[in-house]
Every structure is written in C-alpha cells, then in structure tokens.
C-alpha atoms as a PDB file:
ATOM      1  CA  MET A   1     106.597 -82.951  15.441  1.00  0.00           C
ATOM      2  CA  THR A   2     109.593 -84.372  13.573  1.00  0.00           C
ATOM      3  CA  THR A   3     112.278 -82.037  12.249  1.00  0.00           C
ATOM      4  CA  THR A   4     115.019 -83.143   9.859  1.00  0.00           C
ATOM      5  CA  VAL A   5     118.594 -81.910  10.259  1.00  0.00           C
ATOM      6  CA  GLY A   6     120.945 -83.292   7.665  1.00  0.00           C
ATOM      7  CA  THR A   7     120.092 -86.988   7.466  1.00  0.00           C
ATOM      8  CA  LYS A   8     118.859 -87.279  11.032  1.00  0.00           C
ATOM      9  CA  GLU A   9     115.334 -86.907  12.326  1.00  0.00           C
ATOM     10  CA  MET A  10     114.574 -85.872  15.879  1.00  0.00           C
ATOM     11  CA  GLU A  11     111.375 -85.502  17.847  1.00  0.00           C
ATOM     12  CA  VAL A  12     110.824 -82.028  19.234  1.00  0.00           C
ATOM     13  CA  LYS A  13     108.054 -81.240  21.672  1.00  0.00           C
ATOM     14  CA  LEU A  14     106.183 -78.195  20.417  1.00  0.00           C
ATOM     15  CA  LEU A  15     105.193 -75.610  22.990  1.00  0.00           C
ATOM     16  CA  ASP A  16     101.660 -74.236  22.900  1.00  0.00           C
ATOM     17  CA  PRO A  17     101.823 -70.417  22.987  1.00  0.00           C
ATOM     18  CA  SER A  18      98.532 -70.292  24.885  1.00  0.00           C
ATOM     19  CA  ASP A  19     100.269 -71.919  27.834  1.00  0.00           C
ATOM     20  CA  PHE A  20     102.546 -68.920  28.345  1.00  0.00           C
ATOM     21  CA  ARG A  21     101.659 -65.450  29.557  1.00  0.00           C
ATOM     22  CA  PRO A  22     104.629 -63.329  30.708  1.00  0.00           C
ATOM     23  CA  GLU A  23     103.672 -61.502  33.863  1.00  0.00           C
ATOM     24  CA  LEU A  24     104.110 -57.749  33.913  1.00  0.00           C
ATOM     25  CA  LYS A  25     107.222 -56.772  35.809  1.00  0.00           C
ATOM     26  CA  ASP A  26     108.803 -53.700  37.235  1.00  0.00           C
ATOM     27  CA  VAL A  27     112.152 -52.864  35.602  1.00  0.00           C
ATOM     28  CA  LYS A  28     113.983 -53.659  38.846  1.00  0.00           C
ATOM     29  CA  GLU A  29     112.632 -57.205  38.784  1.00  0.00           C
ATOM     30  CA  PHE A  30     114.404 -58.242  35.573  1.00  0.00           C
ATOM     31  CA  ARG A  31     117.495 -60.476  35.701  1.00  0.00           C
ATOM     32  CA  ASP A  32     116.537 -61.674  39.172  1.00  0.00           C
ATOM     33  CA  PHE A  33     118.989 -64.513  39.835  1.00  0.00           C
ATOM     34  CA  GLN A  34     117.892 -64.969  43.452  1.00  0.00           C
ATOM     35  CA  ASP A  35     114.126 -65.088  43.794  1.00  0.00           C
ATOM     36  CA  SER A  36     113.032 -66.104  40.311  1.00  0.00           C
ATOM     37  CA  LYS A  37     110.579 -69.002  40.183  1.00  0.00           C
ATOM     38  CA  ARG A  38     112.926 -70.527  37.581  1.00  0.00           C
ATOM     39  CA  ILE A  39     116.046 -70.234  39.738  1.00  0.00           C
ATOM     40  CA  ASP A  40     116.759 -73.976  40.033  1.00  0.00           C
ATOM     41  CA  ILE A  41     116.967 -74.653  36.313  1.00  0.00           C
ATOM     42  CA  VAL A  42     118.807 -71.366  35.754  1.00  0.00           C
ATOM     43  CA  ARG A  43     121.486 -72.211  38.360  1.00  0.00           C
ATOM     44  CA  GLU A  44     121.906 -75.698  36.936  1.00  0.00           C
ATOM     45  CA  THR A  45     122.411 -74.301  33.437  1.00  0.00           C
ATOM     46  CA  TYR A  46     125.126 -71.886  34.598  1.00  0.00           C
ATOM     47  CA  GLN A  47     126.807 -74.526  36.742  1.00  0.00           C
ATOM     48  CA  LYS A  48     127.199 -76.802  33.725  1.00  0.00           C
ATOM     49  CA  MET A  49     128.372 -73.846  31.649  1.00  0.00           C
ATOM     50  CA  TYR A  50     131.149 -72.922  34.071  1.00  0.00           C
ATOM     51  CA  ARG A  51     132.351 -76.501  34.432  1.00  0.00           C
ATOM     52  CA  ASN A  52     132.858 -76.797  30.689  1.00  0.00           C
ATOM     53  CA  GLN A  53     133.389 -73.426  29.003  1.00  0.00           C
ATOM     54  CA  CYS A  54     137.173 -73.158  28.887  1.00  0.00           C
ATOM     55  CA  VAL A  55     139.617 -72.117  26.146  1.00  0.00           C
ATOM     56  CA  ASN A  56     139.983 -75.610  24.678  1.00  0.00           C
ATOM     57  CA  TYR A  57     136.240 -76.212  24.656  1.00  0.00           C
ATOM     58  CA  VAL A  58     135.446 -72.899  22.945  1.00  0.00           C
ATOM     59  CA  LYS A  59     138.013 -73.560  20.216  1.00  0.00           C
ATOM     60  CA  LYS A  60     136.429 -76.964  19.561  1.00  0.00           C
ATOM     61  CA  MET A  61     132.988 -75.360  19.248  1.00  0.00           C
ATOM     62  CA  HIS A  62     134.321 -72.902  16.659  1.00  0.00           C
ATOM     63  CA  GLU A  63     135.591 -75.845  14.634  1.00  0.00           C
ATOM     64  CA  LYS A  64     132.317 -77.732  14.983  1.00  0.00           C
ATOM     65  CA  TRP A  65     129.792 -74.988  14.292  1.00  0.00           C
ATOM     66  CA  CYS A  66     131.716 -72.780  11.873  1.00  0.00           C
ATOM     67  CA  SER A  67     131.628 -75.534   9.283  1.00  0.00           C
ATOM     68  CA  PHE A  68     128.091 -74.283   8.491  1.00  0.00           C
ATOM     69  CA  ASP A  69     126.911 -77.708   7.432  1.00  0.00           C
ATOM     70  CA  HIS A  70     124.184 -78.280  10.016  1.00  0.00           C
ATOM     71  CA  ALA A  71     121.179 -76.971   8.078  1.00  0.00           C
ATOM     72  CA  GLN A  72     120.101 -74.729   5.225  1.00  0.00           C
ATOM     73  CA  MET A  73     117.030 -72.569   5.764  1.00  0.00           C
ATOM     74  CA  THR A  74     115.708 -69.008   5.649  1.00  0.00           C
ATOM     75  CA  ILE A  75     115.704 -66.542   8.526  1.00  0.00           C
ATOM     76  CA  MET A  76     111.931 -66.955   8.883  1.00  0.00           C
ATOM     77  CA  ASP A  77     112.322 -70.739   9.030  1.00  0.00           C
ATOM     78  CA  ALA A  78     114.867 -70.308  11.815  1.00  0.00           C
ATOM     79  CA  LEU A  79     112.465 -68.036  13.688  1.00  0.00           C
ATOM     80  CA  GLU A  80     109.789 -70.710  13.487  1.00  0.00           C
ATOM     81  CA  GLU A  81     112.266 -73.164  14.989  1.00  0.00           C
ATOM     82  CA  LEU A  82     112.504 -70.899  18.048  1.00  0.00           C
ATOM     83  CA  ASN A  83     108.859 -71.726  18.761  1.00  0.00           C
ATOM     84  CA  LYS A  84     110.235 -74.984  20.175  1.00  0.00           C
ATOM     85  CA  LEU A  85     112.730 -73.421  22.571  1.00  0.00           C
ATOM     86  CA  VAL A  86     112.422 -72.061  26.105  1.00  0.00           C
ATOM     87  CA  ASP A  87     115.698 -70.573  27.354  1.00  0.00           C
ATOM     88  CA  ASP A  88     116.836 -72.422  30.503  1.00  0.00           C
ATOM     89  CA  SER A  89     119.145 -69.550  31.489  1.00  0.00           C
ATOM     90  CA  ASP A  90     116.467 -66.846  31.549  1.00  0.00           C
ATOM     91  CA  PRO A  91     115.127 -66.038  35.033  1.00  0.00           C
ATOM     92  CA  ASP A  92     112.466 -63.666  33.684  1.00  0.00           C
ATOM     93  CA  VAL A  93     110.221 -65.644  31.353  1.00  0.00           C
ATOM     94  CA  ASP A  94     109.410 -69.185  30.323  1.00  0.00           C
ATOM     95  CA  VAL A  95     107.966 -68.495  26.874  1.00  0.00           C
ATOM     96  CA  PRO A  96     109.228 -69.732  23.494  1.00  0.00           C
ATOM     97  CA  ASN A  97     111.960 -67.471  22.124  1.00  0.00           C
ATOM     98  CA  ILE A  98     110.005 -66.547  18.985  1.00  0.00           C
ATOM     99  CA  PHE A  99     107.777 -64.291  21.131  1.00  0.00           C
ATOM    100  CA  HIS A 100     110.783 -62.414  22.424  1.00  0.00           C
ATOM    101  CA  ALA A 101     112.125 -61.980  18.891  1.00  0.00           C
ATOM    102  CA  PHE A 102     109.034 -60.119  17.687  1.00  0.00           C
ATOM    103  CA  GLN A 103     108.632 -58.248  20.981  1.00  0.00           C
ATOM    104  CA  THR A 104     112.167 -56.886  20.751  1.00  0.00           C
ATOM    105  CA  ALA A 105     111.857 -55.933  17.094  1.00  0.00           C
ATOM    106  CA  GLU A 106     108.567 -54.132  17.672  1.00  0.00           C
ATOM    107  CA  ARG A 107     109.911 -52.169  20.627  1.00  0.00           C
ATOM    108  CA  ILE A 108     112.831 -51.048  18.478  1.00  0.00           C
ATOM    109  CA  ARG A 109     110.529 -50.123  15.572  1.00  0.00           C
ATOM    110  CA  GLU A 110     108.435 -47.999  17.908  1.00  0.00           C
ATOM    111  CA  LYS A 111     111.434 -45.862  18.904  1.00  0.00           C
ATOM    112  CA  HIS A 112     113.503 -46.204  15.713  1.00  0.00           C
ATOM    113  CA  PRO A 113     110.882 -46.355  12.927  1.00  0.00           C
ATOM    114  CA  ASP A 114     113.395 -45.482  10.204  1.00  0.00           C
ATOM    115  CA  ASN A 115     116.234 -47.750  11.294  1.00  0.00           C
ATOM    116  CA  GLU A 116     115.511 -50.999   9.485  1.00  0.00           C
ATOM    117  CA  TRP A 117     118.782 -52.750  10.258  1.00  0.00           C
ATOM    118  CA  PHE A 118     118.276 -52.139  13.986  1.00  0.00           C
ATOM    119  CA  GLN A 119     114.763 -53.592  13.803  1.00  0.00           C
ATOM    120  CA  PHE A 120     116.112 -56.613  11.932  1.00  0.00           C
ATOM    121  CA  VAL A 121     118.799 -57.151  14.557  1.00  0.00           C
ATOM    122  CA  GLY A 122     116.074 -57.081  17.217  1.00  0.00           C
ATOM    123  CA  LEU A 123     114.186 -59.775  15.339  1.00  0.00           C
ATOM    124  CA  ILE A 124     117.096 -62.157  14.796  1.00  0.00           C
ATOM    125  CA  HIS A 125     119.463 -61.505  17.720  1.00  0.00           C
ATOM    126  CA  ASP A 126     118.701 -64.837  19.426  1.00  0.00           C
ATOM    127  CA  LEU A 127     118.561 -67.027  16.308  1.00  0.00           C
ATOM    128  CA  GLY A 128     121.825 -68.702  17.239  1.00  0.00           C
ATOM    129  CA  LYS A 129     119.837 -70.590  19.856  1.00  0.00           C
ATOM    130  CA  VAL A 130     118.709 -72.989  17.137  1.00  0.00           C
ATOM    131  CA  MET A 131     121.868 -74.908  18.073  1.00  0.00           C
ATOM    132  CA  ALA A 132     119.944 -76.246  21.075  1.00  0.00           C
ATOM    133  CA  LEU A 133     117.421 -77.831  18.722  1.00  0.00           C
ATOM    134  CA  TRP A 134     120.249 -79.549  16.860  1.00  0.00           C
ATOM    135  CA  GLY A 135     121.704 -81.304  19.882  1.00  0.00           C
ATOM    136  CA  GLN A 136     123.827 -78.578  21.476  1.00  0.00           C
ATOM    137  CA  PRO A 137     123.302 -78.421  25.273  1.00  0.00           C
ATOM    138  CA  GLN A 138     121.655 -75.249  26.505  1.00  0.00           C
ATOM    139  CA  TRP A 139     124.647 -74.404  28.706  1.00  0.00           C
ATOM    140  CA  SER A 140     126.608 -74.036  25.469  1.00  0.00           C
ATOM    141  CA  THR A 141     123.878 -72.102  23.679  1.00  0.00           C
ATOM    142  CA  VAL A 142     122.101 -69.671  25.998  1.00  0.00           C
ATOM    143  CA  GLY A 143     122.977 -67.424  28.927  1.00  0.00           C
ATOM    144  CA  ASP A 144     125.403 -64.594  29.608  1.00  0.00           C
ATOM    145  CA  THR A 145     128.750 -64.728  27.841  1.00  0.00           C
ATOM    146  CA  PHE A 146     132.200 -63.994  29.251  1.00  0.00           C
ATOM    147  CA  PRO A 147     135.821 -64.061  28.054  1.00  0.00           C
ATOM    148  CA  VAL A 148     137.827 -67.251  28.437  1.00  0.00           C
ATOM    149  CA  GLY A 149     141.602 -67.152  28.652  1.00  0.00           C
ATOM    150  CA  CYS A 150     141.838 -64.456  31.327  1.00  0.00           C
ATOM    151  CA  GLU A 151     140.672 -63.717  34.869  1.00  0.00           C
ATOM    152  CA  PHE A 152     136.994 -64.350  35.545  1.00  0.00           C
ATOM    153  CA  SER A 153     135.294 -61.176  36.773  1.00  0.00           C
ATOM    154  CA  ASN A 154     133.125 -61.131  39.889  1.00  0.00           C
ATOM    155  CA  LYS A 155     130.554 -59.365  37.702  1.00  0.00           C
ATOM    156  CA  ILE A 156     129.775 -62.696  36.060  1.00  0.00           C
ATOM    157  CA  VAL A 157     126.487 -64.092  37.382  1.00  0.00           C
ATOM    158  CA  PHE A 158     127.048 -66.936  39.890  1.00  0.00           C
ATOM    159  CA  HIS A 159     130.788 -66.191  39.600  1.00  0.00           C
ATOM    160  CA  GLU A 160     131.555 -68.368  42.629  1.00  0.00           C
ATOM    161  CA  MET A 161     130.756 -71.412  40.473  1.00  0.00           C
ATOM    162  CA  LEU A 162     133.684 -70.612  38.178  1.00  0.00           C
ATOM    163  CA  LYS A 163     136.060 -72.244  40.652  1.00  0.00           C
ATOM    164  CA  ASP A 164     135.102 -75.483  38.921  1.00  0.00           C
ATOM    165  CA  ASN A 165     136.247 -74.186  35.519  1.00  0.00           C
ATOM    166  CA  PRO A 166     139.188 -76.125  33.984  1.00  0.00           C
ATOM    167  CA  ASP A 167     141.091 -72.845  33.412  1.00  0.00           C
ATOM    168  CA  TYR A 168     140.512 -71.424  36.897  1.00  0.00           C
ATOM    169  CA  ASN A 169     143.881 -72.521  38.321  1.00  0.00           C
ATOM    170  CA  ASN A 170     145.859 -72.085  35.112  1.00  0.00           C
ATOM    171  CA  GLU A 171     148.228 -69.189  35.828  1.00  0.00           C
ATOM    172  CA  GLU A 172     148.640 -68.284  32.166  1.00  0.00           C
ATOM    173  CA  LEU A 173     144.899 -68.113  31.606  1.00  0.00           C
ATOM    174  CA  SER A 174     143.714 -66.649  34.918  1.00  0.00           C
ATOM    175  CA  SER A 175     145.686 -63.391  35.227  1.00  0.00           C
ATOM    176  CA  LYS A 176     143.999 -60.057  34.528  1.00  0.00           C
ATOM    177  CA  ASN A 177     144.983 -60.007  30.858  1.00  0.00           C
ATOM    178  CA  GLY A 178     145.637 -63.734  30.482  1.00  0.00           C
ATOM    179  CA  MET A 179     146.386 -64.574  26.861  1.00  0.00           C
ATOM    180  CA  TYR A 180     145.422 -61.083  25.675  1.00  0.00           C
ATOM    181  CA  LYS A 181     147.051 -57.661  25.539  1.00  0.00           C
ATOM    182  CA  GLU A 182     145.443 -54.690  27.231  1.00  0.00           C
ATOM    183  CA  GLY A 183     143.383 -52.736  24.720  1.00  0.00           C
ATOM    184  CA  CYS A 184     143.381 -55.607  22.205  1.00  0.00           C
ATOM    185  CA  GLY A 185     139.710 -55.092  21.380  1.00  0.00           C
ATOM    186  CA  LEU A 186     136.766 -57.419  21.938  1.00  0.00           C
ATOM    187  CA  ASP A 187     136.985 -58.736  18.367  1.00  0.00           C
ATOM    188  CA  ASN A 188     140.238 -60.388  19.447  1.00  0.00           C
ATOM    189  CA  VAL A 189     138.852 -61.903  22.647  1.00  0.00           C
ATOM    190  CA  LEU A 190     137.679 -65.527  22.770  1.00  0.00           C
ATOM    191  CA  MET A 191     134.228 -65.508  24.331  1.00  0.00           C
ATOM    192  CA  SER A 192     132.386 -68.421  25.927  1.00  0.00           C
ATOM    193  CA  TRP A 193     130.559 -70.296  23.179  1.00  0.00           C
ATOM    194  CA  GLY A 194     126.892 -69.505  22.671  1.00  0.00           C
ATOM    195  CA  HIS A 195     124.223 -68.161  20.385  1.00  0.00           C
ATOM    196  CA  ASP A 196     125.789 -64.683  20.088  1.00  0.00           C
ATOM    197  CA  GLU A 197     129.015 -65.875  18.477  1.00  0.00           C
ATOM    198  CA  TYR A 198     127.312 -68.540  16.391  1.00  0.00           C
ATOM    199  CA  LEU A 199     124.815 -66.173  14.769  1.00  0.00           C
ATOM    200  CA  TYR A 200     127.548 -63.602  14.174  1.00  0.00           C
ATOM    201  CA  GLN A 201     129.628 -66.219  12.360  1.00  0.00           C
ATOM    202  CA  VAL A 202     126.607 -67.444  10.362  1.00  0.00           C
ATOM    203  CA  LEU A 203     125.806 -63.911   9.166  1.00  0.00           C
ATOM    204  CA  LYS A 204     129.406 -63.201   8.227  1.00  0.00           C
ATOM    205  CA  HIS A 205     129.702 -66.495   6.351  1.00  0.00           C
ATOM    206  CA  ASN A 206     126.492 -65.823   4.405  1.00  0.00           C
ATOM    207  CA  LYS A 207     127.550 -62.245   3.616  1.00  0.00           C
ATOM    208  CA  SER A 208     124.637 -60.466   5.278  1.00  0.00           C
ATOM    209  CA  ILE A 209     124.605 -56.715   4.620  1.00  0.00           C
ATOM    210  CA  ILE A 210     123.811 -55.827   8.245  1.00  0.00           C
ATOM    211  CA  PRO A 211     126.147 -52.919   9.109  1.00  0.00           C
ATOM    212  CA  GLU A 212     129.077 -53.349  11.468  1.00  0.00           C
ATOM    213  CA  GLU A 213     127.129 -51.838  14.377  1.00  0.00           C
ATOM    214  CA  GLY A 214     124.420 -54.480  14.036  1.00  0.00           C
ATOM    215  CA  LEU A 215     126.871 -57.355  13.828  1.00  0.00           C
ATOM    216  CA  PHE A 216     128.619 -56.051  16.952  1.00  0.00           C
ATOM    217  CA  VAL A 217     125.311 -55.951  18.852  1.00  0.00           C
ATOM    218  CA  ILE A 218     124.541 -59.530  17.828  1.00  0.00           C
ATOM    219  CA  ARG A 219     128.000 -60.732  18.844  1.00  0.00           C
ATOM    220  CA  PHE A 220     128.113 -59.126  22.287  1.00  0.00           C
ATOM    221  CA  HIS A 221     124.521 -58.527  23.443  1.00  0.00           C
ATOM    222  CA  SER A 222     124.799 -61.310  26.049  1.00  0.00           C
ATOM    223  CA  PHE A 223     128.107 -60.006  27.421  1.00  0.00           C
ATOM    224  CA  TYR A 224     126.370 -58.629  30.535  1.00  0.00           C
ATOM    225  CA  PRO A 225     129.485 -58.598  32.767  1.00  0.00           C
ATOM    226  CA  TRP A 226     130.817 -55.945  30.371  1.00  0.00           C
ATOM    227  CA  HIS A 227     127.929 -53.788  29.217  1.00  0.00           C
ATOM    228  CA  LEU A 228     125.945 -54.000  32.472  1.00  0.00           C
ATOM    229  CA  GLY A 229     128.596 -54.829  35.070  1.00  0.00           C
ATOM    230  CA  GLY A 230     131.396 -52.614  33.749  1.00  0.00           C
ATOM    231  CA  ALA A 231     134.001 -55.409  33.744  1.00  0.00           C
ATOM    232  CA  TYR A 232     136.707 -56.114  31.159  1.00  0.00           C
ATOM    233  CA  LYS A 233     137.061 -52.484  30.080  1.00  0.00           C
ATOM    234  CA  HIS A 234     140.830 -52.977  29.975  1.00  0.00           C
ATOM    235  CA  LEU A 235     140.365 -55.186  26.909  1.00  0.00           C
ATOM    236  CA  MET A 236     138.405 -52.561  24.961  1.00  0.00           C
ATOM    237  CA  ASN A 237     139.794 -50.564  22.052  1.00  0.00           C
ATOM    238  CA  GLU A 238     138.549 -47.470  20.229  1.00  0.00           C
ATOM    239  CA  LYS A 239     136.075 -49.453  18.136  1.00  0.00           C
ATOM    240  CA  ASP A 240     134.505 -50.978  21.245  1.00  0.00           C
ATOM    241  CA  GLU A 241     134.101 -47.521  22.767  1.00  0.00           C
ATOM    242  CA  LYS A 242     132.160 -46.383  19.696  1.00  0.00           C
ATOM    243  CA  MET A 243     130.025 -49.518  19.578  1.00  0.00           C
ATOM    244  CA  PHE A 244     129.176 -49.450  23.276  1.00  0.00           C
ATOM    245  CA  GLN A 245     126.353 -46.950  22.762  1.00  0.00           C
ATOM    246  CA  TRP A 246     124.618 -49.364  20.389  1.00  0.00           C
ATOM    247  CA  ILE A 247     124.886 -52.210  22.880  1.00  0.00           C
ATOM    248  CA  LYS A 248     123.338 -50.064  25.623  1.00  0.00           C
ATOM    249  CA  GLU A 249     120.599 -48.834  23.301  1.00  0.00           C
ATOM    250  CA  PHE A 250     119.768 -52.374  22.229  1.00  0.00           C
ATOM    251  CA  ASN A 251     119.785 -53.766  25.752  1.00  0.00           C
ATOM    252  CA  GLN A 252     116.776 -51.736  26.856  1.00  0.00           C
ATOM    253  CA  PHE A 253     114.682 -53.350  24.126  1.00  0.00           C
ATOM    254  CA  ASP A 254     116.134 -56.836  24.569  1.00  0.00           C
ATOM    255  CA  LEU A 255     115.639 -56.969  28.324  1.00  0.00           C
ATOM    256  CA  TYR A 256     112.539 -54.924  29.005  1.00  0.00           C
ATOM    257  CA  SER A 257     110.407 -56.196  26.111  1.00  0.00           C
ATOM    258  CA  LYS A 258     109.959 -59.495  27.949  1.00  0.00           C
ATOM    259  CA  SER A 259     106.866 -58.286  29.810  1.00  0.00           C
ATOM    260  CA  ASP A 260     105.098 -56.963  26.719  1.00  0.00           C
ATOM    261  CA  ALA A 261     101.844 -58.425  25.448  1.00  0.00           C
ATOM    262  CA  GLU A 262     102.030 -61.412  23.123  1.00  0.00           C
ATOM    263  CA  PRO A 263     102.795 -60.110  19.603  1.00  0.00           C
ATOM    264  CA  ASP A 264     100.510 -60.793  16.642  1.00  0.00           C
ATOM    265  CA  MET A 265     103.172 -62.610  14.657  1.00  0.00           C
ATOM    266  CA  LYS A 266     100.886 -63.439  11.724  1.00  0.00           C
ATOM    267  CA  LYS A 267     100.118 -59.760  11.234  1.00  0.00           C
ATOM    268  CA  LEU A 268     103.741 -58.685  11.671  1.00  0.00           C
ATOM    269  CA  ARG A 269     105.343 -61.329   9.484  1.00  0.00           C
ATOM    270  CA  PRO A 270     104.918 -59.596   6.064  1.00  0.00           C
ATOM    271  CA  TYR A 271     106.747 -56.484   7.277  1.00  0.00           C
ATOM    272  CA  TYR A 272     109.630 -58.437   8.769  1.00  0.00           C
ATOM    273  CA  GLN A 273     109.850 -60.643   5.695  1.00  0.00           C
ATOM    274  CA  THR A 274     110.788 -57.516   3.727  1.00  0.00           C
ATOM    275  CA  LEU A 275     113.653 -56.934   6.181  1.00  0.00           C
ATOM    276  CA  CYS A 276     114.797 -60.533   5.809  1.00  0.00           C
ATOM    277  CA  ASP A 277     114.771 -60.122   2.033  1.00  0.00           C
ATOM    278  CA  LYS A 278     116.829 -56.958   2.334  1.00  0.00           C
ATOM    279  CA  PHE A 279     119.480 -57.924   4.875  1.00  0.00           C
ATOM    280  CA  CYS A 280     119.779 -61.711   4.583  1.00  0.00           C
ATOM    281  CA  PRO A 281     117.680 -63.115   1.732  1.00  0.00           C
ATOM    282  CA  GLY A 282     116.901 -66.693   0.772  1.00  0.00           C
ATOM    283  CA  GLU A 283     118.143 -69.878   2.359  1.00  0.00           C
ATOM    284  CA  ILE A 284     121.405 -69.552   4.254  1.00  0.00           C
ATOM    285  CA  LYS A 285     123.849 -72.097   5.614  1.00  0.00           C
ATOM    286  CA  TRP A 286     123.839 -72.773   9.342  1.00  0.00           C
END
C-alpha cells in the first residue's frame, strides 16, 4: 500500500491481523526484558535510543515535530495508520498497535463506563507512534521514556547501556538534579523524545478538550522508571502527586490488556467515533 505524507509517497507493508494472536500471559510475565522471544530486537531498539537521546537531540525533535506540518487527518485515520506498526520496543506482543488501542479502551470502558475522556485516552494514547510511519526511527518513537539533563536512574530498563549516551559524562547534566531544581514538576522536565510527548503536543496544538488528567496520562504513560520503578520523585511537585493516581489507574489497562482477545473493531468503531467527535473532532494537524 502507498501512503502520502505531504508531497512524498512511501511504501508501507501492511500487516495481516490474522497472522497475530497474542498469547495469554500471567501478570508477572509482562514487561519481560530477559526471556522474551522478541528480546533481540527490543535490546537493539533501546541501545540505539540510549546512544542518541540526549538534551540536544530532544530539543531538535521538539523543533522538528512541533511544527505540526507532517500530515492532516482525523483521529480515526491515525488509528488506521497504526495497523501498519508493530512496536519494536515491546517485549510482550508483536501485533499491530491498533489492536492494543481498542483493547485498552474497552478494558477502561468495562471498569469506568461513565468516564468517556478516560476511555478516549485509552483509545488514542499510542497515536504518537505514527511518527514511525513518517520516517522517524522507532528508537525515537516507542519505548519507555526518561528525563534527559540529569542523572540516569538504574530503574531505567537496560540502564547499563546509558554509558554510551552523549550526556553521560557531562557533569552539568549527570548530577541528581542536573539542569533542574528539586520539586520543579514533571511539566518542566525534558523527557526523551517519543510518542507520549508528540501526541501531547499535537492535542494541545489542536485544542482538544481532554481534561488535564487525560493529557497528563498521555504525556507520561511510558515513564515507567517513575510510575513503576519509583525513580525521579525528587522532581515531582504537588500537581504530579495528584496526577499519579491516574497514571497508576491507566497503567493496569495499558499493560495488562495486551493478552486480551482480538477486539471487533468494526463493531466498536461507531461508539468510539462519538468520542472522537466530542474530544478531538475533524481533521487535525500532525
């Protein structure tokens, strides 16, 4: 299939959903970065990430992607694009991301039937990964996120690889606080560039009416060293403390929906279209 981005056309290999069947897993088996059958490609993705994701690089990515001139399409169109993407950083599944989008949203709807914005966040939380279909390398699109400009925590997955990071031996950028002040708040921390930050910026630019809690979840849901590992608490402020409960609540649906049965996306689409129309209608700029 050929997809057009701007004035350029690129060939994208479509993935047949029938080829993928996520195996049922015990909760303890998720985020297995040692014995996963996908460990080689996962390690390679993180190795490239750590060699490149430094302060200067992240600032350049903000300049590049926050111009919002890469495409113009609806939320549903972006979801369809995810049918072409398998996340090279995910040790749990090798299915197109569109499955995970509907799985997460449906798990949230089951427990929070009246919370539409939370369901919508579940549906779209990974949409920033469309960058990978527009030429952005996966190591700069997917995977766990972490702060740049301060000490790298040992709670970061494969943290030993960070010795190859350009900022690793920079005294000003490798101390505990680095270029930040204690208690500055996560909104003031420069995170490694990826789909979390990109989607957050896209939604803000297009004036989505998702509440602050939802935008926070989108922006930091991949910050596993913090919300799972307990690192970087010294950078948190009062707002982060209040938002933390939403991150933890969301994580159980994001992570543990990956073993659910394949969703009937055709049947579910009309309902989720109403949420798109409510929270982020029409074509938006990416």
